[in-house]
Protein backbone atom coordinates (compact mmCIF):
# COMPACT_ATOMS: atom_id res chain seq x y z
CA MET A 1 -5.54 -20.45 0.57
CA ILE A 2 -3.24 -17.61 1.61
CA LYS A 3 -0.27 -19.96 1.48
CA ARG A 4 -0.96 -20.57 -2.21
CA ILE A 5 -1.29 -16.85 -2.77
CA PHE A 6 2.09 -16.04 -1.26
CA TRP A 7 3.76 -19.00 -2.94
CA GLY A 8 2.28 -17.76 -6.22
CA ILE A 9 3.98 -14.44 -5.62
CA SER A 10 7.33 -16.17 -5.23
CA SER A 11 7.12 -17.40 -8.81
CA PHE A 12 7.61 -13.81 -9.91
CA LEU A 13 10.82 -13.29 -7.96
CA ILE A 14 13.28 -14.35 -10.63
CA ILE A 15 11.33 -12.48 -13.30
CA SER A 16 11.25 -9.27 -11.29
CA ALA A 17 14.75 -9.42 -9.81
CA CYS A 18 16.38 -7.84 -12.85
CA GLN A 19 13.93 -4.94 -12.59
CA HIS A 20 14.88 -4.06 -9.03
CA ASP A 21 18.66 -4.65 -8.90
CA GLN A 22 19.33 -1.12 -7.68
CA LEU A 23 17.22 -1.80 -4.60
CA GLU A 24 18.70 -5.20 -3.79
CA VAL A 25 20.32 -4.71 -0.38
CA ASP A 26 21.62 -7.08 2.28
CA VAL A 27 19.25 -6.98 5.24
CA SER A 28 20.79 -9.92 7.08
CA ASP A 29 22.22 -7.63 9.76
CA VAL A 30 18.78 -6.21 10.59
CA LYS A 31 17.84 -8.09 13.75
CA THR A 32 14.34 -6.72 14.29
CA THR A 33 11.60 -9.30 13.75
CA THR A 34 8.11 -8.15 12.83
CA ARG A 35 4.88 -10.14 12.82
CA PHE A 36 1.15 -9.57 12.97
CA HIS A 37 -0.47 -9.54 16.40
CA ARG A 38 -3.89 -11.15 15.96
CA PHE A 39 -6.42 -9.09 17.88
CA ASP A 40 -9.08 -10.49 15.54
CA SER A 41 -8.36 -14.06 16.67
CA ALA A 42 -8.00 -13.16 20.32
CA PHE A 43 -11.29 -11.27 20.37
CA PHE A 44 -13.49 -13.62 18.34
CA ASN A 45 -12.24 -16.63 20.26
CA LEU A 46 -13.43 -15.17 23.56
CA ASP A 47 -15.78 -17.54 25.36
CA THR A 48 -19.17 -15.82 25.39
CA THR A 49 -20.23 -17.68 28.54
CA ASN A 50 -17.34 -16.15 30.52
CA PHE A 51 -17.12 -13.03 28.42
CA SER A 52 -16.35 -10.44 31.10
CA GLU A 53 -13.43 -12.43 32.46
CA GLY A 54 -11.97 -13.04 29.01
CA LEU A 55 -12.47 -9.41 28.01
CA PHE A 56 -10.64 -8.25 31.14
CA ARG A 57 -7.59 -10.31 30.13
CA LEU A 58 -7.82 -9.05 26.56
CA LYS A 59 -7.73 -5.46 27.78
CA GLN A 60 -4.40 -6.19 29.44
CA ASP A 61 -2.97 -7.76 26.28
CA TYR A 62 -4.34 -5.25 23.75
CA PRO A 63 -4.84 -1.95 25.62
CA LEU A 64 -4.77 0.19 22.46
CA PHE A 65 -8.08 -1.30 21.31
CA PHE A 66 -9.86 -0.20 24.47
CA GLN A 67 -8.82 3.43 24.78
CA SER A 68 -12.21 4.73 23.62
CA GLY A 69 -13.76 3.74 26.93
CA ALA A 70 -16.53 1.67 25.31
CA THR A 71 -18.56 -0.42 27.73
CA ASP A 72 -18.33 -4.19 28.13
CA GLN A 73 -21.84 -4.34 26.71
CA PHE A 74 -20.58 -2.70 23.52
CA TRP A 75 -17.81 -5.28 23.21
CA ARG A 76 -20.22 -8.15 23.85
CA PHE A 77 -22.35 -6.89 20.97
CA GLN A 78 -19.28 -6.76 18.71
CA ARG A 79 -18.37 -10.31 19.70
CA THR A 80 -21.83 -11.69 18.87
CA ASP A 81 -22.73 -9.46 15.90
CA PRO A 82 -23.61 -11.97 13.12
CA ARG A 83 -21.90 -10.04 10.32
CA GLN A 84 -18.67 -9.59 12.22
CA VAL A 85 -18.64 -13.23 13.33
CA GLU A 86 -19.16 -14.22 9.69
CA LEU A 87 -16.34 -11.92 8.57
CA TYR A 88 -13.99 -13.48 11.09
CA GLN A 89 -14.90 -16.97 9.88
CA ARG A 90 -14.07 -15.87 6.35
CA ILE A 91 -10.78 -14.37 7.56
CA LYS A 92 -9.85 -17.75 9.02
CA GLU A 93 -10.59 -19.45 5.72
CA VAL A 94 -8.59 -16.97 3.64
CA TRP A 95 -5.68 -16.14 5.95
CA GLY A 96 -5.23 -19.25 8.09
CA ASN A 97 -2.42 -18.82 10.63
CA MET A 98 -0.77 -16.07 8.58
CA ASP A 99 2.67 -17.72 8.65
CA GLU A 100 3.38 -16.78 5.04
CA ALA A 101 2.07 -13.25 5.58
CA ASN A 102 4.27 -12.90 8.65
CA ARG A 103 7.34 -13.94 6.66
CA SER A 104 6.55 -11.43 3.94
CA LEU A 105 5.88 -8.65 6.44
CA ASN A 106 9.10 -9.40 8.31
CA TYR A 107 11.12 -9.28 5.09
CA ALA A 108 9.58 -5.96 4.05
CA MET A 109 10.11 -4.45 7.49
CA LYS A 110 13.75 -5.54 7.54
CA HIS A 111 14.16 -3.36 4.45
CA PHE A 112 12.36 -0.54 6.24
CA TYR A 113 14.71 -0.70 9.23
CA TYR A 114 17.69 -1.02 6.87
CA TYR A 115 16.82 2.35 5.32
CA TYR A 116 15.50 3.87 8.57
CA PRO A 117 17.65 2.40 11.36
CA GLU A 118 16.73 5.25 13.67
CA LYS A 119 13.04 4.36 13.62
CA LYS A 120 11.39 2.74 16.61
CA ASP A 121 9.91 -0.72 16.17
CA ILE A 122 6.44 -0.65 14.64
CA THR A 123 3.83 -3.10 15.95
CA PHE A 124 1.25 -4.51 13.51
CA TYR A 125 -2.21 -5.54 14.68
CA THR A 126 -4.92 -7.31 12.69
CA TYR A 127 -8.59 -6.82 13.46
CA VAL A 128 -12.10 -7.00 12.00
CA SER A 129 -13.16 -3.51 10.95
CA ASN A 130 -16.77 -4.39 10.12
CA LEU A 131 -15.97 -3.34 6.54
CA ASP A 132 -14.62 0.13 7.23
CA PHE A 133 -13.46 0.76 3.66
CA GLN A 134 -11.98 4.13 4.54
CA TYR A 135 -9.12 2.61 6.54
CA PRO A 136 -7.90 -0.77 5.27
CA VAL A 137 -4.55 0.03 6.91
CA LEU A 138 -4.16 2.70 9.58
CA TYR A 139 -0.84 3.86 10.99
CA ALA A 140 -0.76 5.63 14.35
CA PRO A 141 2.66 7.31 14.56
CA GLU A 142 2.16 8.48 18.14
CA ASN A 143 2.12 4.85 19.27
CA GLU A 144 4.19 3.36 16.42
CA VAL A 145 1.44 0.89 15.59
CA THR A 146 -0.29 -0.15 12.37
CA PHE A 147 -3.81 -1.57 12.32
CA VAL A 148 -4.75 -3.86 9.43
CA ALA A 149 -8.38 -4.72 8.68
CA LEU A 150 -8.23 -8.30 7.41
CA ASP A 151 -11.91 -8.21 6.44
CA LEU A 152 -10.90 -5.80 3.67
CA TYR A 153 -8.48 -8.31 2.11
CA LEU A 154 -10.62 -11.37 1.47
CA GLY A 155 -10.56 -11.42 -2.35
CA GLN A 156 -12.20 -9.29 -5.00
CA ASN A 157 -15.12 -11.66 -5.61
CA GLN A 158 -16.40 -11.63 -2.04
CA ARG A 159 -20.01 -10.50 -1.81
CA TYR A 160 -18.98 -7.91 0.80
CA TYR A 161 -17.33 -5.95 -2.00
CA ALA A 162 -20.03 -6.42 -4.64
CA HIS A 163 -21.11 -2.79 -4.42
CA LEU A 164 -17.62 -1.56 -5.32
CA PRO A 165 -16.52 -0.73 -8.87
CA ALA A 166 -14.39 -3.56 -10.27
CA TYR A 167 -11.14 -1.58 -10.08
CA LEU A 168 -11.68 -0.94 -6.35
CA ALA A 169 -12.84 -4.49 -5.60
CA TYR A 170 -9.56 -5.68 -7.20
CA ARG A 171 -7.66 -3.90 -4.44
CA ARG A 172 -9.38 -6.08 -1.86
CA ASN A 173 -7.29 -9.10 -2.86
CA PRO A 174 -5.14 -10.60 -0.07
CA PHE A 175 -1.87 -10.19 -1.98
CA PHE A 176 -2.14 -6.39 -1.73
CA MET A 177 -2.31 -6.29 2.08
CA ILE A 178 1.42 -6.06 2.87
CA ARG A 179 1.93 -3.77 -0.11
CA ASP A 180 -0.70 -1.46 1.42
CA CYS A 181 1.08 -1.59 4.78
CA MET A 182 4.21 -0.31 3.04
CA GLU A 183 2.23 2.42 1.28
CA THR A 184 0.95 3.62 4.64
CA LEU A 185 4.54 3.85 5.91
CA ALA A 186 5.58 5.59 2.71
CA ARG A 187 3.16 8.43 3.33
CA GLU A 188 4.67 8.93 6.78
CA ASN A 189 8.25 9.05 5.51
CA ILE A 190 8.04 11.04 2.28
CA THR A 191 7.84 14.82 2.29
CA PRO A 192 4.14 15.41 1.52
CA LEU A 193 2.61 17.61 -1.14
CA ARG A 194 2.23 21.18 -0.04
CA GLU A 195 -1.08 21.59 1.75
CA GLN A 196 -1.26 25.38 1.91
CA GLU A 197 -0.72 26.13 -1.77
CA ALA A 198 -1.70 24.70 -5.12
CA TYR A 199 0.63 22.09 -6.54
CA THR A 200 1.24 21.09 -10.13
CA LEU A 201 0.53 17.85 -11.93
CA LEU A 202 4.30 17.24 -11.96
CA ASP A 203 4.44 17.75 -8.18
CA ALA A 204 1.68 15.18 -7.74
CA MET A 205 3.24 12.71 -10.18
CA ILE A 206 6.63 12.79 -8.48
CA TYR A 207 5.14 12.54 -5.00
CA HIS A 208 3.06 9.49 -5.88
CA GLY A 209 5.97 8.08 -7.86
CA LYS A 210 8.03 8.28 -4.68
CA VAL A 211 5.32 6.36 -2.83
CA LEU A 212 5.51 3.54 -5.39
CA TYR A 213 9.31 3.61 -5.27
CA PHE A 214 9.19 3.35 -1.48
CA ILE A 215 6.99 0.27 -1.79
CA GLU A 216 9.41 -1.17 -4.35
CA ALA A 217 12.36 -0.50 -2.01
CA MET A 218 10.65 -2.30 0.87
CA MET A 219 9.50 -5.15 -1.38
CA PRO A 220 12.25 -5.38 -4.04
CA GLU A 221 11.17 -8.84 -5.13
CA ALA A 222 7.54 -7.84 -5.71
CA PRO A 223 6.27 -7.82 -9.32
CA ASP A 224 5.19 -4.52 -10.84
CA TRP A 225 1.50 -5.48 -10.83
CA MET A 226 1.61 -5.78 -7.06
CA ILE A 227 3.34 -2.44 -6.56
CA THR A 228 0.97 -0.57 -8.89
CA ARG A 229 -2.17 -2.67 -8.26
CA TYR A 230 -2.61 -2.78 -12.06
CA ILE A 231 -3.87 -5.76 -14.02
CA ASP A 232 -1.49 -7.10 -16.68
CA GLU A 233 -3.28 -5.36 -19.55
CA HIS A 234 -2.94 -1.98 -17.88
CA LEU A 235 0.74 -2.50 -17.12
CA GLU A 236 1.31 -3.49 -20.73
CA PHE A 237 -0.47 -0.34 -21.91
CA CYS A 238 1.82 1.79 -19.74
CA ARG A 239 4.96 0.09 -20.99
CA GLN A 240 3.94 0.23 -24.65
CA ASN A 241 2.71 3.82 -24.51
CA GLU A 242 5.10 5.46 -22.02
CA ARG A 243 6.61 7.71 -24.67
CA ASN A 244 3.19 8.70 -26.05
CA VAL A 245 1.78 9.45 -22.60
CA TRP A 246 4.77 11.63 -21.76
CA ALA A 247 4.49 13.42 -25.10
CA TYR A 248 0.80 14.08 -24.37
CA PHE A 249 1.67 15.77 -21.08
CA ILE A 250 4.35 17.89 -22.75
CA GLU A 251 2.38 18.85 -25.85
CA ASN A 252 -0.68 19.84 -23.83
CA ASN A 253 1.33 21.88 -21.30
CA LEU A 254 0.03 19.78 -18.43
CA LEU A 255 3.15 19.22 -16.32
CA PHE A 256 2.96 22.57 -14.57
CA SER A 257 -0.80 22.90 -14.59
CA LYS A 258 -2.39 23.57 -11.19
CA LYS A 259 -5.93 23.01 -12.41
CA ASP A 260 -7.83 20.57 -10.25
CA ASP A 261 -9.36 18.88 -13.28
CA ASP A 262 -5.97 18.28 -14.92
CA ILE A 263 -4.66 16.70 -11.75
CA ARG A 264 -7.77 14.63 -10.97
CA ARG A 265 -8.05 12.97 -14.37
CA PHE A 266 -4.56 11.47 -14.14
CA MET A 267 -4.05 11.11 -10.39
CA ASP A 268 -7.35 10.23 -8.69
CA PRO A 269 -8.69 6.67 -8.32
CA ALA A 270 -10.74 5.84 -11.40
CA PRO A 271 -11.38 2.90 -13.75
CA PHE A 272 -9.27 4.66 -16.40
CA SER A 273 -7.37 7.89 -16.98
CA LYS A 274 -9.04 10.67 -18.92
CA PHE A 275 -7.01 11.76 -21.93
CA GLY A 276 -10.17 12.51 -23.90
CA MET A 277 -9.05 10.01 -26.55
CA LYS A 278 -10.71 6.91 -28.01
CA PHE A 279 -8.24 4.64 -26.18
CA ASP A 280 -9.13 5.95 -22.69
CA ASN A 281 -10.84 2.70 -21.65
CA GLN A 282 -7.58 0.83 -22.31
CA THR A 283 -5.69 2.94 -19.79
CA PRO A 284 -5.37 2.35 -16.06
CA GLY A 285 -6.62 4.92 -13.61
CA GLN A 286 -4.01 7.08 -11.90
CA ILE A 287 -1.58 6.75 -14.79
CA GLY A 288 0.21 9.81 -13.41
CA HIS A 289 1.35 7.66 -10.48
CA TRP A 290 2.97 5.21 -12.88
CA VAL A 291 4.70 7.97 -14.87
CA GLY A 292 5.92 9.53 -11.63
CA TRP A 293 7.35 6.15 -10.63
CA GLN A 294 9.34 6.00 -13.87
CA ILE A 295 10.70 9.50 -13.21
CA VAL A 296 11.80 8.54 -9.69
CA LYS A 297 13.45 5.35 -10.92
CA SER A 298 15.27 7.35 -13.60
CA TYR A 299 16.39 9.85 -10.95
CA HIS A 300 17.90 7.08 -8.83
CA ARG A 301 19.62 5.48 -11.82
CA ASN A 302 21.19 8.78 -12.82
CA ASN A 303 22.05 9.90 -9.28
CA SER A 304 23.21 6.63 -7.79
CA GLY A 305 25.04 8.30 -4.92
CA THR A 306 21.85 9.85 -3.61
CA SER A 307 20.30 8.07 -0.64
CA LEU A 308 16.71 6.93 -0.65
CA LYS A 309 15.92 9.41 2.12
CA ASP A 310 17.35 12.29 0.08
CA ILE A 311 15.31 11.23 -2.94
CA PHE A 312 12.15 11.28 -0.86
CA ALA A 313 13.03 14.61 0.75
CA GLU A 314 13.59 16.57 -2.50
CA THR A 315 10.56 18.80 -3.06
CA ASP A 316 11.66 20.86 -6.09
CA SER A 317 9.89 18.96 -8.86
CA ARG A 318 11.47 20.92 -11.70
CA LYS A 319 14.92 20.19 -10.32
CA PHE A 320 13.95 16.58 -9.70
CA LEU A 321 12.76 16.13 -13.28
CA LYS A 322 15.91 17.73 -14.70
CA LEU A 323 18.25 15.59 -12.60
CA SER A 324 16.26 12.47 -13.43
CA ALA A 325 17.13 12.87 -17.13
CA TYR A 326 13.84 11.11 -17.73
CA LYS A 327 13.33 10.48 -21.44
CA PRO A 328 11.11 7.53 -22.34
CA GLU A 329 12.19 5.66 -25.46
């Protein structure tokens, strides 16, 4: 199944290539190879009749998973817990041997090391989280490891996600997993929003636009729907109404607003953005992220000599907007 998913993605490559020319770089000299280390498979294939012996070996191979000091009895329960066993069986059906996912991860990480050659190698582990929706992907910078919960990428129609709103269940599709890995790295390598003082809507838009641009840089062949996690109708709305959306922000003096409500209605996860207009239900949630992405792309086009790192490090949003010369047609 996952092979068809990743092959389906490849059909977008030619279509999307013209959109990402500025980020097309030669990564052939990047020698680092990255793949997923399958703790999920290693753990759920332990022989329950010789569990203690198998667990001892697993602790040597995957020490990071055992730092909490949990007892062997705890791990035996995890191994035999019916829901987790079922989740692992579903992971096998959806993800198979992950060869295609490994190729896609390796390609994205070659771009990461191209832009950040000084970074230490990052190790990626897959595991069964028992549906811990708070952390689909977790990066631990102190150990340079990323943990990916495969049970949170089984497909939007899985019954495990039935309680989620449709727009959040959509994010549980397998083709967003590597994209989400790149988003997690983005948040570690982009100067964050100021935590000790209020920030403006423009600050938030540009920050989240940088996150999307980081994902695009690591996955330059990915279609826009994958980068944004928008359905086609929502992407089309953004493209057709970019000028009107920008005019709305300007005319309502929202760009420099620090009001929580102004920021939430355009930046927070939601089924749609809240303009207070009759077309609201046609809009995607977090439309401010998309607008911020367009500003960042415009900045790079108009400041082509600026490195990606410098783009991500610039924190003066007014200056950033001015230098971007952003003006939707």
